[in-house]
mmCIF file of all heavy atoms, coordinates in Angstrom:
data_MODEL
# 
_entry.id   MODEL 
# 
loop_
_atom_site.group_PDB 
_atom_site.id 
_atom_site.type_symbol 
_atom_site.label_atom_id 
_atom_site.label_alt_id 
_atom_site.label_comp_id 
_atom_site.label_asym_id 
_atom_site.label_entity_id 
_atom_site.label_seq_id 
_atom_site.pdbx_PDB_ins_code 
_atom_site.Cartn_x 
_atom_site.Cartn_y 
_atom_site.Cartn_z 
_atom_site.occupancy 
_atom_site.B_iso_or_equiv 
_atom_site.pdbx_formal_charge 
_atom_site.auth_seq_id 
_atom_site.auth_comp_id 
_atom_site.auth_asym_id 
_atom_site.auth_atom_id 
_atom_site.pdbx_PDB_model_num 
ATOM 1   N N   . ASN A 1 1  ? 128.612 101.523 29.371 1.00 0.00 ? 1  ASN A N   1 
ATOM 2   C CA  . ASN A 1 1  ? 127.993 100.967 28.179 1.00 0.00 ? 1  ASN A CA  1 
ATOM 3   C C   . ASN A 1 1  ? 128.991 101.011 27.060 1.00 0.00 ? 1  ASN A C   1 
ATOM 4   O O   . ASN A 1 1  ? 128.623 100.707 25.920 1.00 0.00 ? 1  ASN A O   1 
ATOM 5   C CB  . ASN A 1 1  ? 126.757 101.840 27.705 1.00 0.00 ? 1  ASN A CB  1 
ATOM 6   C CG  . ASN A 1 1  ? 125.654 101.806 28.661 1.00 0.00 ? 1  ASN A CG  1 
ATOM 7   O OD1 . ASN A 1 1  ? 125.778 101.552 29.799 1.00 0.00 ? 1  ASN A OD1 1 
ATOM 8   N ND2 . ASN A 1 1  ? 124.422 101.947 28.146 1.00 0.00 ? 1  ASN A ND2 1 
ATOM 9   N N   . ARG A 1 2  ? 130.213 101.321 27.287 1.00 0.00 ? 2  ARG A N   1 
ATOM 10  C CA  . ARG A 1 2  ? 131.181 101.575 26.298 1.00 0.00 ? 2  ARG A CA  1 
ATOM 11  C C   . ARG A 1 2  ? 132.463 100.665 26.290 1.00 0.00 ? 2  ARG A C   1 
ATOM 12  O O   . ARG A 1 2  ? 132.823 100.219 27.407 1.00 0.00 ? 2  ARG A O   1 
ATOM 13  C CB  . ARG A 1 2  ? 131.699 103.029 26.387 1.00 0.00 ? 2  ARG A CB  1 
ATOM 14  C CG  . ARG A 1 2  ? 132.505 103.485 25.201 1.00 0.00 ? 2  ARG A CG  1 
ATOM 15  C CD  . ARG A 1 2  ? 133.036 104.931 25.479 1.00 0.00 ? 2  ARG A CD  1 
ATOM 16  N NE  . ARG A 1 2  ? 133.537 105.566 24.408 1.00 0.00 ? 2  ARG A NE  1 
ATOM 17  C CZ  . ARG A 1 2  ? 134.246 106.671 24.430 1.00 0.00 ? 2  ARG A CZ  1 
ATOM 18  N NH1 . ARG A 1 2  ? 134.611 107.129 25.437 1.00 0.00 ? 2  ARG A NH1 1 
ATOM 19  N NH2 . ARG A 1 2  ? 134.615 107.190 23.276 1.00 0.00 ? 2  ARG A NH2 1 
ATOM 20  N N   . LEU A 1 3  ? 132.800 100.150 25.177 1.00 0.00 ? 3  LEU A N   1 
ATOM 21  C CA  . LEU A 1 3  ? 133.928 99.320  25.007 1.00 0.00 ? 3  LEU A CA  1 
ATOM 22  C C   . LEU A 1 3  ? 134.828 99.892  23.957 1.00 0.00 ? 3  LEU A C   1 
ATOM 23  O O   . LEU A 1 3  ? 134.536 100.145 22.841 1.00 0.00 ? 3  LEU A O   1 
ATOM 24  C CB  . LEU A 1 3  ? 133.560 97.881  24.644 1.00 0.00 ? 3  LEU A CB  1 
ATOM 25  C CG  . LEU A 1 3  ? 134.683 96.974  24.333 1.00 0.00 ? 3  LEU A CG  1 
ATOM 26  C CD1 . LEU A 1 3  ? 135.506 96.656  25.611 1.00 0.00 ? 3  LEU A CD1 1 
ATOM 27  C CD2 . LEU A 1 3  ? 134.173 95.605  23.714 1.00 0.00 ? 3  LEU A CD2 1 
ATOM 28  N N   . LEU A 1 4  ? 136.083 100.236 24.432 1.00 0.00 ? 4  LEU A N   1 
ATOM 29  C CA  . LEU A 1 4  ? 137.202 100.677 23.430 1.00 0.00 ? 4  LEU A CA  1 
ATOM 30  C C   . LEU A 1 4  ? 137.913 99.498  22.995 1.00 0.00 ? 4  LEU A C   1 
ATOM 31  O O   . LEU A 1 4  ? 138.419 98.715  23.779 1.00 0.00 ? 4  LEU A O   1 
ATOM 32  C CB  . LEU A 1 4  ? 138.019 101.808 24.130 1.00 0.00 ? 4  LEU A CB  1 
ATOM 33  C CG  . LEU A 1 4  ? 137.444 103.099 24.544 1.00 0.00 ? 4  LEU A CG  1 
ATOM 34  C CD1 . LEU A 1 4  ? 138.466 104.034 25.131 1.00 0.00 ? 4  LEU A CD1 1 
ATOM 35  C CD2 . LEU A 1 4  ? 136.883 103.765 23.239 1.00 0.00 ? 4  LEU A CD2 1 
ATOM 36  N N   . VAL A 1 5  ? 137.987 99.421  21.640 1.00 0.00 ? 5  VAL A N   1 
ATOM 37  C CA  . VAL A 1 5  ? 138.904 98.260  21.051 1.00 0.00 ? 5  VAL A CA  1 
ATOM 38  C C   . VAL A 1 5  ? 139.934 98.965  20.208 1.00 0.00 ? 5  VAL A C   1 
ATOM 39  O O   . VAL A 1 5  ? 139.708 99.835  19.260 1.00 0.00 ? 5  VAL A O   1 
ATOM 40  C CB  . VAL A 1 5  ? 138.079 97.399  20.148 1.00 0.00 ? 5  VAL A CB  1 
ATOM 41  C CG1 . VAL A 1 5  ? 138.939 96.187  19.604 1.00 0.00 ? 5  VAL A CG1 1 
ATOM 42  C CG2 . VAL A 1 5  ? 136.851 96.826  20.857 1.00 0.00 ? 5  VAL A CG2 1 
ATOM 43  N N   . SER A 1 6  ? 141.358 98.734  20.548 1.00 0.00 ? 6  SER A N   1 
ATOM 44  C CA  . SER A 1 6  ? 142.411 99.391  19.832 1.00 0.00 ? 6  SER A CA  1 
ATOM 45  C C   . SER A 1 6  ? 143.226 98.274  19.164 1.00 0.00 ? 6  SER A C   1 
ATOM 46  O O   . SER A 1 6  ? 143.315 97.147  19.500 1.00 0.00 ? 6  SER A O   1 
ATOM 47  C CB  . SER A 1 6  ? 143.160 100.039 20.865 1.00 0.00 ? 6  SER A CB  1 
ATOM 48  O OG  . SER A 1 6  ? 142.397 100.927 21.625 1.00 0.00 ? 6  SER A OG  1 
ATOM 49  N N   . ARG A 1 7  ? 143.781 98.838  18.069 1.00 0.00 ? 7  ARG A N   1 
ATOM 50  C CA  . ARG A 1 7  ? 144.805 97.990  17.358 1.00 0.00 ? 7  ARG A CA  1 
ATOM 51  C C   . ARG A 1 7  ? 145.701 98.996  16.703 1.00 0.00 ? 7  ARG A C   1 
ATOM 52  O O   . ARG A 1 7  ? 145.248 99.764  15.720 1.00 0.00 ? 7  ARG A O   1 
ATOM 53  C CB  . ARG A 1 7  ? 144.164 97.163  16.283 1.00 0.00 ? 7  ARG A CB  1 
ATOM 54  C CG  . ARG A 1 7  ? 145.161 96.271  15.536 1.00 0.00 ? 7  ARG A CG  1 
ATOM 55  C CD  . ARG A 1 7  ? 144.428 95.164  14.601 1.00 0.00 ? 7  ARG A CD  1 
ATOM 56  N NE  . ARG A 1 7  ? 145.378 94.255  14.114 1.00 0.00 ? 7  ARG A NE  1 
ATOM 57  C CZ  . ARG A 1 7  ? 145.910 94.455  12.739 1.00 0.00 ? 7  ARG A CZ  1 
ATOM 58  N NH1 . ARG A 1 7  ? 145.673 95.496  12.088 1.00 0.00 ? 7  ARG A NH1 1 
ATOM 59  N NH2 . ARG A 1 7  ? 146.762 93.542  12.304 1.00 0.00 ? 7  ARG A NH2 1 
ATOM 60  N N   . GLU A 1 8  ? 146.972 99.125  17.037 1.00 0.00 ? 8  GLU A N   1 
ATOM 61  C CA  . GLU A 1 8  ? 147.810 100.122 16.535 1.00 0.00 ? 8  GLU A CA  1 
ATOM 62  C C   . GLU A 1 8  ? 148.118 100.137 15.042 1.00 0.00 ? 8  GLU A C   1 
ATOM 63  O O   . GLU A 1 8  ? 148.102 101.058 14.445 1.00 0.00 ? 8  GLU A O   1 
ATOM 64  C CB  . GLU A 1 8  ? 149.180 99.929  17.218 1.00 0.00 ? 8  GLU A CB  1 
ATOM 65  C CG  . GLU A 1 8  ? 150.189 101.106 16.867 1.00 0.00 ? 8  GLU A CG  1 
ATOM 66  C CD  . GLU A 1 8  ? 151.438 101.051 17.717 1.00 0.00 ? 8  GLU A CD  1 
ATOM 67  O OE1 . GLU A 1 8  ? 151.425 100.121 18.722 1.00 0.00 ? 8  GLU A OE1 1 
ATOM 68  O OE2 . GLU A 1 8  ? 152.445 101.585 17.420 1.00 0.00 ? 8  GLU A OE2 1 
ATOM 69  N N   . ALA A 1 9  ? 148.022 98.878  14.475 1.00 0.00 ? 9  ALA A N   1 
ATOM 70  C CA  . ALA A 1 9  ? 148.279 98.731  13.071 1.00 0.00 ? 9  ALA A CA  1 
ATOM 71  C C   . ALA A 1 9  ? 146.965 99.067  12.280 1.00 0.00 ? 9  ALA A C   1 
ATOM 72  O O   . ALA A 1 9  ? 146.989 99.242  10.975 1.00 0.00 ? 9  ALA A O   1 
ATOM 73  C CB  . ALA A 1 9  ? 148.670 97.272  12.680 1.00 0.00 ? 9  ALA A CB  1 
ATOM 74  N N   . GLY A 1 10 ? 145.918 99.287  12.958 1.00 0.00 ? 10 GLY A N   1 
ATOM 75  C CA  . GLY A 1 10 ? 144.629 99.676  12.297 1.00 0.00 ? 10 GLY A CA  1 
ATOM 76  C C   . GLY A 1 10 ? 143.677 98.466  12.001 1.00 0.00 ? 10 GLY A C   1 
ATOM 77  O O   . GLY A 1 10 ? 144.044 97.383  11.837 1.00 0.00 ? 10 GLY A O   1 
ATOM 78  N N   . PHE A 1 11 ? 142.428 98.945  11.738 1.00 0.00 ? 11 PHE A N   1 
ATOM 79  C CA  . PHE A 1 11 ? 141.480 98.019  11.354 1.00 0.00 ? 11 PHE A CA  1 
ATOM 80  C C   . PHE A 1 11 ? 141.207 98.077  9.855  1.00 0.00 ? 11 PHE A C   1 
ATOM 81  O O   . PHE A 1 11 ? 141.805 99.004  9.137  1.00 0.00 ? 11 PHE A O   1 
ATOM 82  C CB  . PHE A 1 11 ? 140.117 98.172  12.128 1.00 0.00 ? 11 PHE A CB  1 
ATOM 83  C CG  . PHE A 1 11 ? 140.294 98.005  13.610 1.00 0.00 ? 11 PHE A CG  1 
ATOM 84  C CD1 . PHE A 1 11 ? 140.587 99.011  14.427 1.00 0.00 ? 11 PHE A CD1 1 
ATOM 85  C CD2 . PHE A 1 11 ? 140.091 96.752  14.119 1.00 0.00 ? 11 PHE A CD2 1 
ATOM 86  C CE1 . PHE A 1 11 ? 140.649 98.943  15.808 1.00 0.00 ? 11 PHE A CE1 1 
ATOM 87  C CE2 . PHE A 1 11 ? 140.198 96.464  15.519 1.00 0.00 ? 11 PHE A CE2 1 
ATOM 88  C CZ  . PHE A 1 11 ? 140.504 97.657  16.313 1.00 0.00 ? 11 PHE A CZ  1 
ATOM 89  N N   . ILE A 1 12 ? 140.349 97.282  9.208  1.00 0.00 ? 12 ILE A N   1 
ATOM 90  C CA  . ILE A 1 12 ? 140.074 97.316  7.772  1.00 0.00 ? 12 ILE A CA  1 
ATOM 91  C C   . ILE A 1 12 ? 141.342 97.098  7.097  1.00 0.00 ? 12 ILE A C   1 
ATOM 92  O O   . ILE A 1 12 ? 141.790 98.051  6.417  1.00 0.00 ? 12 ILE A O   1 
ATOM 93  C CB  . ILE A 1 12 ? 139.298 98.588  7.376  1.00 0.00 ? 12 ILE A CB  1 
ATOM 94  C CG1 . ILE A 1 12 ? 138.091 98.871  8.480  1.00 0.00 ? 12 ILE A CG1 1 
ATOM 95  C CG2 . ILE A 1 12 ? 138.631 98.454  6.028  1.00 0.00 ? 12 ILE A CG2 1 
ATOM 96  C CD1 . ILE A 1 12 ? 137.431 100.173 8.127  1.00 0.00 ? 12 ILE A CD1 1 
ATOM 97  N N   . ASP A 1 13 ? 141.875 95.922  7.027  1.00 0.00 ? 13 ASP A N   1 
ATOM 98  C CA  . ASP A 1 13 ? 143.172 95.681  6.439  1.00 0.00 ? 13 ASP A CA  1 
ATOM 99  C C   . ASP A 1 13 ? 143.040 94.819  5.297  1.00 0.00 ? 13 ASP A C   1 
ATOM 100 O O   . ASP A 1 13 ? 142.478 93.696  5.257  1.00 0.00 ? 13 ASP A O   1 
ATOM 101 C CB  . ASP A 1 13 ? 144.033 94.957  7.501  1.00 0.00 ? 13 ASP A CB  1 
ATOM 102 C CG  . ASP A 1 13 ? 145.397 94.836  6.964  1.00 0.00 ? 13 ASP A CG  1 
ATOM 103 O OD1 . ASP A 1 13 ? 146.063 95.762  6.449  1.00 0.00 ? 13 ASP A OD1 1 
ATOM 104 O OD2 . ASP A 1 13 ? 145.980 93.623  7.158  1.00 0.00 ? 13 ASP A OD2 1 
ATOM 105 N N   . GLY A 1 14 ? 143.703 95.217  4.088  1.00 0.00 ? 14 GLY A N   1 
ATOM 106 C CA  . GLY A 1 14 ? 143.808 94.514  2.863  1.00 0.00 ? 14 GLY A CA  1 
ATOM 107 C C   . GLY A 1 14 ? 142.607 94.682  1.845  1.00 0.00 ? 14 GLY A C   1 
ATOM 108 O O   . GLY A 1 14 ? 141.611 95.180  2.160  1.00 0.00 ? 14 GLY A O   1 
ATOM 109 N N   . PRO A 1 15 ? 142.907 94.250  0.574  1.00 0.00 ? 15 PRO A N   1 
ATOM 110 C CA  . PRO A 1 15 ? 141.965 94.476  -0.453 1.00 0.00 ? 15 PRO A CA  1 
ATOM 111 C C   . PRO A 1 15 ? 140.629 93.687  -0.310 1.00 0.00 ? 15 PRO A C   1 
ATOM 112 O O   . PRO A 1 15 ? 139.668 94.264  -0.785 1.00 0.00 ? 15 PRO A O   1 
ATOM 113 C CB  . PRO A 1 15 ? 142.698 93.851  -1.685 1.00 0.00 ? 15 PRO A CB  1 
ATOM 114 C CG  . PRO A 1 15 ? 143.807 92.995  -1.152 1.00 0.00 ? 15 PRO A CG  1 
ATOM 115 C CD  . PRO A 1 15 ? 144.224 93.492  0.201  1.00 0.00 ? 15 PRO A CD  1 
ATOM 116 N N   . ILE A 1 16 ? 140.562 92.617  0.456  1.00 0.00 ? 16 ILE A N   1 
ATOM 117 C CA  . ILE A 1 16 ? 139.251 91.932  0.505  1.00 0.00 ? 16 ILE A CA  1 
ATOM 118 C C   . ILE A 1 16 ? 138.413 92.661  1.417  1.00 0.00 ? 16 ILE A C   1 
ATOM 119 O O   . ILE A 1 16 ? 137.246 93.005  1.187  1.00 0.00 ? 16 ILE A O   1 
ATOM 120 C CB  . ILE A 1 16 ? 139.533 90.479  1.040  1.00 0.00 ? 16 ILE A CB  1 
ATOM 121 C CG1 . ILE A 1 16 ? 140.264 89.630  0.088  1.00 0.00 ? 16 ILE A CG1 1 
ATOM 122 C CG2 . ILE A 1 16 ? 138.114 89.801  1.352  1.00 0.00 ? 16 ILE A CG2 1 
ATOM 123 C CD1 . ILE A 1 16 ? 140.580 88.279  0.419  1.00 0.00 ? 16 ILE A CD1 1 
ATOM 124 N N   . GLU A 1 17 ? 139.037 93.069  2.648  1.00 0.00 ? 17 GLU A N   1 
ATOM 125 C CA  . GLU A 1 17 ? 138.108 94.019  3.559  1.00 0.00 ? 17 GLU A CA  1 
ATOM 126 C C   . GLU A 1 17 ? 137.794 95.306  2.996  1.00 0.00 ? 17 GLU A C   1 
ATOM 127 O O   . GLU A 1 17 ? 136.703 95.812  3.186  1.00 0.00 ? 17 GLU A O   1 
ATOM 128 C CB  . GLU A 1 17 ? 138.898 94.148  4.800  1.00 0.00 ? 17 GLU A CB  1 
ATOM 129 C CG  . GLU A 1 17 ? 139.163 92.909  5.644  1.00 0.00 ? 17 GLU A CG  1 
ATOM 130 C CD  . GLU A 1 17 ? 139.218 93.121  7.104  1.00 0.00 ? 17 GLU A CD  1 
ATOM 131 O OE1 . GLU A 1 17 ? 139.654 94.307  7.477  1.00 0.00 ? 17 GLU A OE1 1 
ATOM 132 O OE2 . GLU A 1 17 ? 139.135 92.229  7.912  1.00 0.00 ? 17 GLU A OE2 1 
ATOM 133 N N   . GLU A 1 18 ? 138.697 95.797  2.077  1.00 0.00 ? 18 GLU A N   1 
ATOM 134 C CA  . GLU A 1 18 ? 138.339 97.225  1.502  1.00 0.00 ? 18 GLU A CA  1 
ATOM 135 C C   . GLU A 1 18 ? 137.411 97.038  0.133  1.00 0.00 ? 18 GLU A C   1 
ATOM 136 O O   . GLU A 1 18 ? 137.079 98.014  -0.408 1.00 0.00 ? 18 GLU A O   1 
ATOM 137 C CB  . GLU A 1 18 ? 139.598 97.809  1.086  1.00 0.00 ? 18 GLU A CB  1 
ATOM 138 C CG  . GLU A 1 18 ? 140.500 98.303  2.396  1.00 0.00 ? 18 GLU A CG  1 
ATOM 139 C CD  . GLU A 1 18 ? 141.710 99.172  1.961  1.00 0.00 ? 18 GLU A CD  1 
ATOM 140 O OE1 . GLU A 1 18 ? 141.641 99.679  0.837  1.00 0.00 ? 18 GLU A OE1 1 
ATOM 141 O OE2 . GLU A 1 18 ? 142.604 99.038  2.806  1.00 0.00 ? 18 GLU A OE2 1 
ATOM 142 N N   . SER A 1 19 ? 137.148 95.783  -0.206 1.00 0.00 ? 19 SER A N   1 
ATOM 143 C CA  . SER A 1 19 ? 136.249 95.586  -1.361 1.00 0.00 ? 19 SER A CA  1 
ATOM 144 C C   . SER A 1 19 ? 134.875 96.120  -1.150 1.00 0.00 ? 19 SER A C   1 
ATOM 145 O O   . SER A 1 19 ? 134.104 96.327  -2.037 1.00 0.00 ? 19 SER A O   1 
ATOM 146 C CB  . SER A 1 19 ? 136.171 94.105  -1.789 1.00 0.00 ? 19 SER A CB  1 
ATOM 147 O OG  . SER A 1 19 ? 135.463 93.355  -0.719 1.00 0.00 ? 19 SER A OG  1 
ATOM 148 N N   . VAL A 1 20 ? 134.517 96.311  0.284  1.00 0.00 ? 20 VAL A N   1 
ATOM 149 C CA  . VAL A 1 20 ? 133.055 96.817  0.469  1.00 0.00 ? 20 VAL A CA  1 
ATOM 150 C C   . VAL A 1 20 ? 133.152 98.400  0.713  1.00 0.00 ? 20 VAL A C   1 
ATOM 151 O O   . VAL A 1 20 ? 132.118 98.929  0.978  1.00 0.00 ? 20 VAL A O   1 
ATOM 152 C CB  . VAL A 1 20 ? 132.402 96.109  1.612  1.00 0.00 ? 20 VAL A CB  1 
ATOM 153 C CG1 . VAL A 1 20 ? 132.219 94.697  1.236  1.00 0.00 ? 20 VAL A CG1 1 
ATOM 154 C CG2 . VAL A 1 20 ? 133.226 96.043  2.916  1.00 0.00 ? 20 VAL A CG2 1 
ATOM 155 N N   . ARG A 1 21 ? 134.341 98.952  0.779  1.00 0.00 ? 21 ARG A N   1 
ATOM 156 C CA  . ARG A 1 21 ? 134.492 100.250 1.015  1.00 0.00 ? 21 ARG A CA  1 
ATOM 157 C C   . ARG A 1 21 ? 135.829 100.666 0.354  1.00 0.00 ? 21 ARG A C   1 
ATOM 158 O O   . ARG A 1 21 ? 136.932 100.290 0.889  1.00 0.00 ? 21 ARG A O   1 
ATOM 159 C CB  . ARG A 1 21 ? 134.423 100.698 2.515  1.00 0.00 ? 21 ARG A CB  1 
ATOM 160 C CG  . ARG A 1 21 ? 134.340 102.152 2.749  1.00 0.00 ? 21 ARG A CG  1 
ATOM 161 C CD  . ARG A 1 21 ? 134.514 102.455 4.237  1.00 0.00 ? 21 ARG A CD  1 
ATOM 162 N NE  . ARG A 1 21 ? 134.256 103.804 4.538  1.00 0.00 ? 21 ARG A NE  1 
ATOM 163 C CZ  . ARG A 1 21 ? 133.178 104.367 4.915  1.00 0.00 ? 21 ARG A CZ  1 
ATOM 164 N NH1 . ARG A 1 21 ? 132.036 103.483 5.167  1.00 0.00 ? 21 ARG A NH1 1 
ATOM 165 N NH2 . ARG A 1 21 ? 132.974 105.657 5.090  1.00 0.00 ? 21 ARG A NH2 1 
ATOM 166 N N   . ASN A 1 22 ? 135.844 101.602 -0.559 1.00 0.00 ? 22 ASN A N   1 
ATOM 167 C CA  . ASN A 1 22 ? 136.989 102.228 -1.164 1.00 0.00 ? 22 ASN A CA  1 
ATOM 168 C C   . ASN A 1 22 ? 137.509 103.164 -0.183 1.00 0.00 ? 22 ASN A C   1 
ATOM 169 O O   . ASN A 1 22 ? 137.016 104.373 -0.099 1.00 0.00 ? 22 ASN A O   1 
ATOM 170 C CB  . ASN A 1 22 ? 136.694 102.809 -2.454 1.00 0.00 ? 22 ASN A CB  1 
ATOM 171 C CG  . ASN A 1 22 ? 137.872 103.282 -3.269 1.00 0.00 ? 22 ASN A CG  1 
ATOM 172 O OD1 . ASN A 1 22 ? 138.774 103.823 -2.651 1.00 0.00 ? 22 ASN A OD1 1 
ATOM 173 N ND2 . ASN A 1 22 ? 137.912 103.141 -4.515 1.00 0.00 ? 22 ASN A ND2 1 
ATOM 174 N N   . MET A 1 23 ? 138.592 102.884 0.523  1.00 0.00 ? 23 MET A N   1 
ATOM 175 C CA  . MET A 1 23 ? 139.074 103.682 1.631  1.00 0.00 ? 23 MET A CA  1 
ATOM 176 C C   . MET A 1 23 ? 139.755 105.025 0.988  1.00 0.00 ? 23 MET A C   1 
ATOM 177 O O   . MET A 1 23 ? 139.895 106.013 1.822  1.00 0.00 ? 23 MET A O   1 
ATOM 178 C CB  . MET A 1 23 ? 140.062 103.035 2.437  1.00 0.00 ? 23 MET A CB  1 
ATOM 179 C CG  . MET A 1 23 ? 139.491 101.842 3.252  1.00 0.00 ? 23 MET A CG  1 
ATOM 180 S SD  . MET A 1 23 ? 138.251 102.329 4.456  1.00 0.00 ? 23 MET A SD  1 
ATOM 181 C CE  . MET A 1 23 ? 139.272 103.200 5.652  1.00 0.00 ? 23 MET A CE  1 
ATOM 182 N N   . GLU A 1 24 ? 140.102 105.042 -0.197 1.00 0.00 ? 24 GLU A N   1 
ATOM 183 C CA  . GLU A 1 24 ? 140.598 106.307 -0.788 1.00 0.00 ? 24 GLU A CA  1 
ATOM 184 C C   . GLU A 1 24 ? 139.508 107.197 -1.129 1.00 0.00 ? 24 GLU A C   1 
ATOM 185 O O   . GLU A 1 24 ? 139.664 108.386 -0.928 1.00 0.00 ? 24 GLU A O   1 
ATOM 186 C CB  . GLU A 1 24 ? 141.485 105.891 -2.145 1.00 0.00 ? 24 GLU A CB  1 
ATOM 187 C CG  . GLU A 1 24 ? 142.733 105.120 -1.792 1.00 0.00 ? 24 GLU A CG  1 
ATOM 188 C CD  . GLU A 1 24 ? 143.509 104.838 -3.030 1.00 0.00 ? 24 GLU A CD  1 
ATOM 189 O OE1 . GLU A 1 24 ? 143.127 105.364 -4.178 1.00 0.00 ? 24 GLU A OE1 1 
ATOM 190 O OE2 . GLU A 1 24 ? 144.520 104.271 -2.972 1.00 0.00 ? 24 GLU A OE2 1 
ATOM 191 N N   . LYS A 1 25 ? 138.396 106.705 -1.606 1.00 0.00 ? 25 LYS A N   1 
ATOM 192 C CA  . LYS A 1 25 ? 137.218 107.589 -2.007 1.00 0.00 ? 25 LYS A CA  1 
ATOM 193 C C   . LYS A 1 25 ? 136.424 107.856 -0.718 1.00 0.00 ? 25 LYS A C   1 
ATOM 194 O O   . LYS A 1 25 ? 135.986 109.085 -0.664 1.00 0.00 ? 25 LYS A O   1 
ATOM 195 C CB  . LYS A 1 25 ? 136.326 106.855 -2.900 1.00 0.00 ? 25 LYS A CB  1 
ATOM 196 C CG  . LYS A 1 25 ? 136.821 106.924 -4.365 1.00 0.00 ? 25 LYS A CG  1 
ATOM 197 C CD  . LYS A 1 25 ? 135.747 106.228 -5.344 1.00 0.00 ? 25 LYS A CD  1 
ATOM 198 C CE  . LYS A 1 25 ? 136.180 106.234 -6.774 1.00 0.00 ? 25 LYS A CE  1 
ATOM 199 N NZ  . LYS A 1 25 ? 135.095 105.705 -7.597 1.00 0.00 ? 25 LYS A NZ  1 
ATOM 200 N N   . TYR A 1 26 ? 136.330 106.919 0.146  1.00 0.00 ? 26 TYR A N   1 
ATOM 201 C CA  . TYR A 1 26 ? 135.438 107.080 1.246  1.00 0.00 ? 26 TYR A CA  1 
ATOM 202 C C   . TYR A 1 26 ? 136.145 106.810 2.636  1.00 0.00 ? 26 TYR A C   1 
ATOM 203 O O   . TYR A 1 26 ? 135.821 105.833 3.205  1.00 0.00 ? 26 TYR A O   1 
ATOM 204 C CB  . TYR A 1 26 ? 134.236 106.352 1.109  1.00 0.00 ? 26 TYR A CB  1 
ATOM 205 C CG  . TYR A 1 26 ? 133.489 106.434 -0.197 1.00 0.00 ? 26 TYR A CG  1 
ATOM 206 C CD1 . TYR A 1 26 ? 133.419 105.226 -1.113 1.00 0.00 ? 26 TYR A CD1 1 
ATOM 207 C CD2 . TYR A 1 26 ? 132.899 107.515 -0.625 1.00 0.00 ? 26 TYR A CD2 1 
ATOM 208 C CE1 . TYR A 1 26 ? 132.891 105.258 -2.349 1.00 0.00 ? 26 TYR A CE1 1 
ATOM 209 C CE2 . TYR A 1 26 ? 132.188 107.628 -1.904 1.00 0.00 ? 26 TYR A CE2 1 
ATOM 210 C CZ  . TYR A 1 26 ? 132.261 106.538 -2.682 1.00 0.00 ? 26 TYR A CZ  1 
ATOM 211 O OH  . TYR A 1 26 ? 131.708 106.632 -3.865 1.00 0.00 ? 26 TYR A OH  1 
ATOM 212 N N   . PRO A 1 27 ? 137.211 107.640 2.893  1.00 0.00 ? 27 PRO A N   1 
ATOM 213 C CA  . PRO A 1 27 ? 137.890 107.289 4.107  1.00 0.00 ? 27 PRO A CA  1 
ATOM 214 C C   . PRO A 1 27 ? 137.086 107.657 5.351  1.00 0.00 ? 27 PRO A C   1 
ATOM 215 O O   . PRO A 1 27 ? 136.138 108.508 5.372  1.00 0.00 ? 27 PRO A O   1 
ATOM 216 C CB  . PRO A 1 27 ? 139.126 108.258 4.002  1.00 0.00 ? 27 PRO A CB  1 
ATOM 217 C CG  . PRO A 1 27 ? 138.589 109.457 3.248  1.00 0.00 ? 27 PRO A CG  1 
ATOM 218 C CD  . PRO A 1 27 ? 137.658 108.815 2.184  1.00 0.00 ? 27 PRO A CD  1 
# 
């Protein structure tokens, strides 16, 4: 039932994607 998805550089990239979550306040 499980799928692992990896990306070494990370997900949630850039100010537009972070506009719905302040990654500094809510990491």
